[in-house]
Protein backbone atom coordinates (compact mmCIF):
# COMPACT_ATOMS: atom_id res chain seq x y z
CA UNK A 1 68.72 107.63 136.15
CA UNK A 2 67.60 106.56 139.59
CA UNK A 3 70.76 104.54 140.80
CA UNK A 4 73.13 107.43 141.03
CA UNK A 5 70.90 109.88 142.95
CA UNK A 6 69.91 106.99 145.29
CA UNK A 7 73.51 106.10 146.17
CA UNK A 8 74.27 109.79 146.92
CA UNK A 9 71.18 110.14 149.07
CA UNK A 10 71.95 107.14 151.14
CA UNK A 11 75.45 108.40 151.63
CA UNK A 12 74.20 111.54 153.06
CA UNK A 13 71.05 110.48 154.88
CA UNK A 14 71.69 106.76 156.23
CA UNK A 15 74.03 107.16 159.19
CA UNK A 16 74.94 103.33 159.81
CA UNK A 17 76.98 103.40 156.53
CA UNK A 18 78.74 106.63 157.15
CA UNK A 19 78.91 107.29 153.41
CA UNK A 20 80.10 103.73 152.44
CA UNK A 21 77.51 103.31 149.67
CA UNK A 22 78.48 102.12 146.23
CA UNK A 23 77.05 100.36 143.21
CA UNK A 24 77.10 97.24 141.20
CA UNK A 25 80.75 97.42 140.04
CA UNK A 26 81.98 97.52 143.61
CA UNK A 27 79.55 95.01 144.82
CA UNK A 28 80.89 92.40 142.36
CA UNK A 29 84.60 93.31 143.01
CA UNK A 30 83.97 92.99 146.58
CA UNK A 31 82.34 89.43 146.19
CA UNK A 32 85.25 88.34 144.21
CA UNK A 33 88.21 89.76 146.27
CA UNK A 34 86.68 90.70 149.63
CA UNK A 35 85.87 94.37 150.42
CA UNK A 36 89.24 95.91 150.94
CA UNK A 37 88.25 99.63 150.24
CA UNK A 38 85.43 100.27 152.61
CA UNK A 39 84.94 99.48 156.19
CA UNK A 40 81.78 97.52 157.29
CA UNK A 41 78.81 97.89 157.42
CA UNK A 42 78.50 98.98 153.74
CA UNK A 43 75.91 99.18 151.33
CA UNK A 44 75.40 98.60 147.56
CA UNK A 45 72.48 99.88 145.31
CA UNK A 46 71.73 97.45 142.65
CA UNK A 47 69.25 97.49 139.75
CA UNK A 48 66.62 94.62 140.03
CA UNK A 49 63.32 94.02 138.21
CA UNK A 50 61.00 96.44 136.38
CA UNK A 51 57.59 96.00 134.94
CA UNK A 52 54.97 98.02 133.39
CA UNK A 53 51.61 98.56 135.13
CA UNK A 54 48.50 97.85 132.85
CA UNK A 55 50.19 99.21 129.71
CA UNK A 56 49.41 102.62 128.06
CA UNK A 57 46.79 104.67 130.22
CA UNK A 58 46.27 107.31 127.51
CA UNK A 59 43.85 106.96 124.74
CA UNK A 60 45.34 109.85 122.72
CA UNK A 61 48.88 109.62 123.58
CA UNK A 62 51.21 107.68 125.76
CA UNK A 63 51.40 107.53 129.46
CA UNK A 64 52.65 104.47 131.33
CA UNK A 65 53.87 103.70 134.86
CA UNK A 66 56.73 101.39 135.28
CA UNK A 67 57.69 99.84 138.51
CA UNK A 68 61.37 100.07 138.98
CA UNK A 69 62.86 97.69 141.62
CA UNK A 70 66.26 98.24 143.34
CA UNK A 71 68.05 96.29 146.05
CA UNK A 72 70.06 97.76 148.79
CA UNK A 73 72.53 95.04 149.68
CA UNK A 74 74.00 95.42 152.99
CA UNK A 75 77.47 93.83 153.82
CA UNK A 76 78.09 93.12 157.55
CA UNK A 77 81.16 92.01 159.31
CA UNK A 78 80.83 88.30 160.55
CA UNK A 79 84.49 87.73 161.45
CA UNK A 80 83.72 87.80 165.25
CA UNK A 81 80.80 85.38 164.89
CA UNK A 82 80.73 82.75 162.20
CA UNK A 83 77.07 81.88 162.91
CA UNK A 84 76.15 85.31 161.70
CA UNK A 85 74.18 86.07 164.87
CA UNK A 86 76.12 89.37 165.83
CA UNK A 87 75.86 91.06 162.39
CA UNK A 88 72.23 89.90 162.34
CA UNK A 89 71.48 91.78 165.39
CA UNK A 90 72.17 95.01 163.33
CA UNK A 91 69.37 94.33 161.13
CA UNK A 92 66.78 96.45 162.91
CA UNK A 93 68.74 99.49 163.30
CA UNK A 94 69.81 99.42 159.64
CA UNK A 95 66.31 98.75 158.38
CA UNK A 96 65.04 101.62 160.45
CA UNK A 97 67.66 104.05 158.94
CA UNK A 98 66.89 102.63 155.39
CA UNK A 99 63.31 103.37 155.88
CA UNK A 100 63.90 106.82 157.19
CA UNK A 101 66.01 107.65 154.03
CA UNK A 102 64.15 105.85 151.36
CA UNK A 103 60.45 105.58 152.00
CA UNK A 104 58.48 108.20 150.00
CA UNK A 105 61.64 109.72 148.72
CA UNK A 106 61.92 110.00 144.81
CA UNK A 107 65.18 110.51 143.10
CA UNK A 108 63.69 111.92 140.03
CA UNK A 109 60.48 113.82 141.32
CA UNK A 110 59.24 114.88 138.00
CA UNK A 111 58.97 111.16 136.98
CA UNK A 112 57.03 110.00 140.00
CA UNK A 113 53.14 110.14 139.78
CA UNK A 114 51.07 111.45 142.65
CA UNK A 115 54.21 112.56 144.64
CA UNK A 116 54.83 109.00 145.35
CA UNK A 117 58.44 107.82 146.14
CA UNK A 118 60.19 104.57 147.08
CA UNK A 119 57.93 101.82 148.56
CA UNK A 120 59.25 98.91 150.68
CA UNK A 121 58.85 95.65 148.64
CA UNK A 122 60.73 93.03 150.82
CA UNK A 123 64.01 91.80 152.09
CA UNK A 124 65.99 88.57 152.40
CA UNK A 125 69.20 86.91 153.50
CA UNK A 126 71.81 86.54 150.71
CA UNK A 127 74.89 84.78 151.94
CA UNK A 128 77.10 84.20 154.82
CA UNK A 129 80.84 83.11 154.95
CA UNK A 130 83.38 83.31 157.70
CA UNK A 131 83.94 86.92 157.25
CA UNK A 132 80.82 88.52 155.95
CA UNK A 133 77.10 88.53 155.82
CA UNK A 134 75.04 89.76 153.19
CA UNK A 135 71.24 90.99 153.36
CA UNK A 136 69.15 92.66 150.80
CA UNK A 137 66.26 95.23 151.18
CA UNK A 138 64.16 95.74 148.07
CA UNK A 139 62.47 98.93 147.36
CA UNK A 140 60.09 99.93 144.25
CA UNK A 141 59.68 103.12 142.71
CA UNK A 142 56.61 104.24 140.25
CA UNK A 143 58.17 105.87 137.47
CA UNK A 144 56.20 107.40 134.46
CA UNK A 145 57.09 107.50 130.86
CA UNK A 146 55.27 109.45 127.97
CA UNK A 147 55.37 109.74 124.32
CA UNK A 148 58.25 112.29 124.72
CA UNK A 149 60.36 109.21 125.83
CA UNK A 150 59.64 107.28 122.67
CA UNK A 151 59.85 107.84 118.80
CA UNK A 152 59.09 111.25 117.64
CA UNK A 153 58.34 111.52 114.05
CA UNK A 154 60.58 114.26 112.65
CA UNK A 155 58.38 114.62 109.42
CA UNK A 156 54.76 114.32 110.49
CA UNK A 157 52.36 113.33 107.87
CA UNK A 158 49.82 116.17 108.67
CA UNK A 159 50.80 119.60 109.05
CA UNK A 160 47.95 121.66 110.41
CA UNK A 161 47.72 125.44 109.84
CA UNK A 162 44.31 125.84 111.68
CA UNK A 163 41.46 123.82 113.33
CA UNK A 164 38.01 124.63 112.42
CA UNK A 165 34.92 124.12 114.60
CA UNK A 166 31.49 124.20 113.01
CA UNK A 167 28.62 125.00 115.44
CA UNK A 168 25.08 123.83 114.52
CA UNK A 169 21.78 124.39 116.13
CA UNK A 170 20.47 121.04 115.09
CA UNK A 171 20.38 118.31 118.07
CA UNK A 172 23.14 115.79 118.06
CA UNK A 173 26.88 115.57 117.57
CA UNK A 174 27.04 115.70 113.91
CA UNK A 175 24.69 117.86 111.74
CA UNK A 176 22.83 116.44 108.72
CA UNK A 177 24.48 116.88 105.40
CA UNK A 178 23.42 120.13 103.75
CA UNK A 179 22.84 122.11 106.88
CA UNK A 180 24.87 125.43 107.27
CA UNK A 181 26.64 126.01 110.58
CA UNK A 182 25.30 128.75 112.79
CA UNK A 183 28.82 129.81 113.64
CA UNK A 184 32.27 128.84 112.63
CA UNK A 185 35.45 129.26 115.01
CA UNK A 186 38.88 128.85 113.40
CA UNK A 187 41.84 128.33 115.74
CA UNK A 188 45.25 129.12 114.11
CA UNK A 189 47.91 126.65 115.24
CA UNK A 190 50.48 127.06 112.43
CA UNK A 191 52.19 129.97 110.76
CA UNK A 192 50.33 132.64 108.79
CA UNK A 193 49.03 133.16 106.33
CA UNK A 194 46.00 131.17 107.56
CA UNK A 195 43.33 129.70 105.16
CA UNK A 196 39.81 131.17 105.36
CA UNK A 197 36.96 129.20 107.08
CA UNK A 198 34.98 126.94 105.19
CA UNK A 199 31.79 128.76 103.71
CA UNK A 200 28.48 127.08 102.94
CA UNK A 201 26.50 124.11 104.00
CA UNK A 202 27.88 121.02 105.79
CA UNK A 203 29.57 118.88 102.98
CA UNK A 204 28.99 115.30 102.22
CA UNK A 205 31.46 112.99 103.59
CA UNK A 206 34.09 111.47 101.23
CA UNK A 207 33.48 107.92 100.07
CA UNK A 208 36.48 106.68 101.92
CA UNK A 209 35.45 108.50 105.28
CA UNK A 210 31.84 108.09 105.75
CA UNK A 211 30.12 109.89 108.62
CA UNK A 212 26.91 108.71 110.29
CA UNK A 213 24.21 111.41 110.94
CA UNK A 214 23.47 112.09 114.47
CA UNK A 215 20.14 110.69 115.95
CA UNK A 216 17.96 113.33 117.75
């Protein structure tokens, strides 16, 4: 969900690559057979690690932040300098272009909390041979998931028609058994016809669902 938009974004907004940005399949093929389809420098957007931050943050549902990490692996031409010094001199310009395109940009804005986008995580040298030098920049994206991404029971156990709110004058959150409510509010949430509000004093709790009386 984030790799494709990121590749397209770098093709458009990262000038050093002039549109030469691909994914994992092209990266592997280039490693095995040398890159014959794209001029250098070229970049590859690869999936890396992901982890959850602090588990579920919603006490009545599900809301969690995942840290999705990607690598932008850059392939540089080292044919003119087997030591890799000449391609390494391009690092600063490429890094500046990557930062300009990536930092605070979100490939899926509705999934990113607090308007945060990609953040820089680190970088490192990968490999050098007689023809190529590889260097990777790592970026992390905060990505939110909710209960809508998980299992949704197609046949919920409780089908509510209304929610009833009993209002008491007595102090405390729960009135003593036997008191009558001063007012009753019924909120319809299902399809009509709606059941009438409960009439009479506050009932005693069922044996399998005890309720403690509120303390004044």
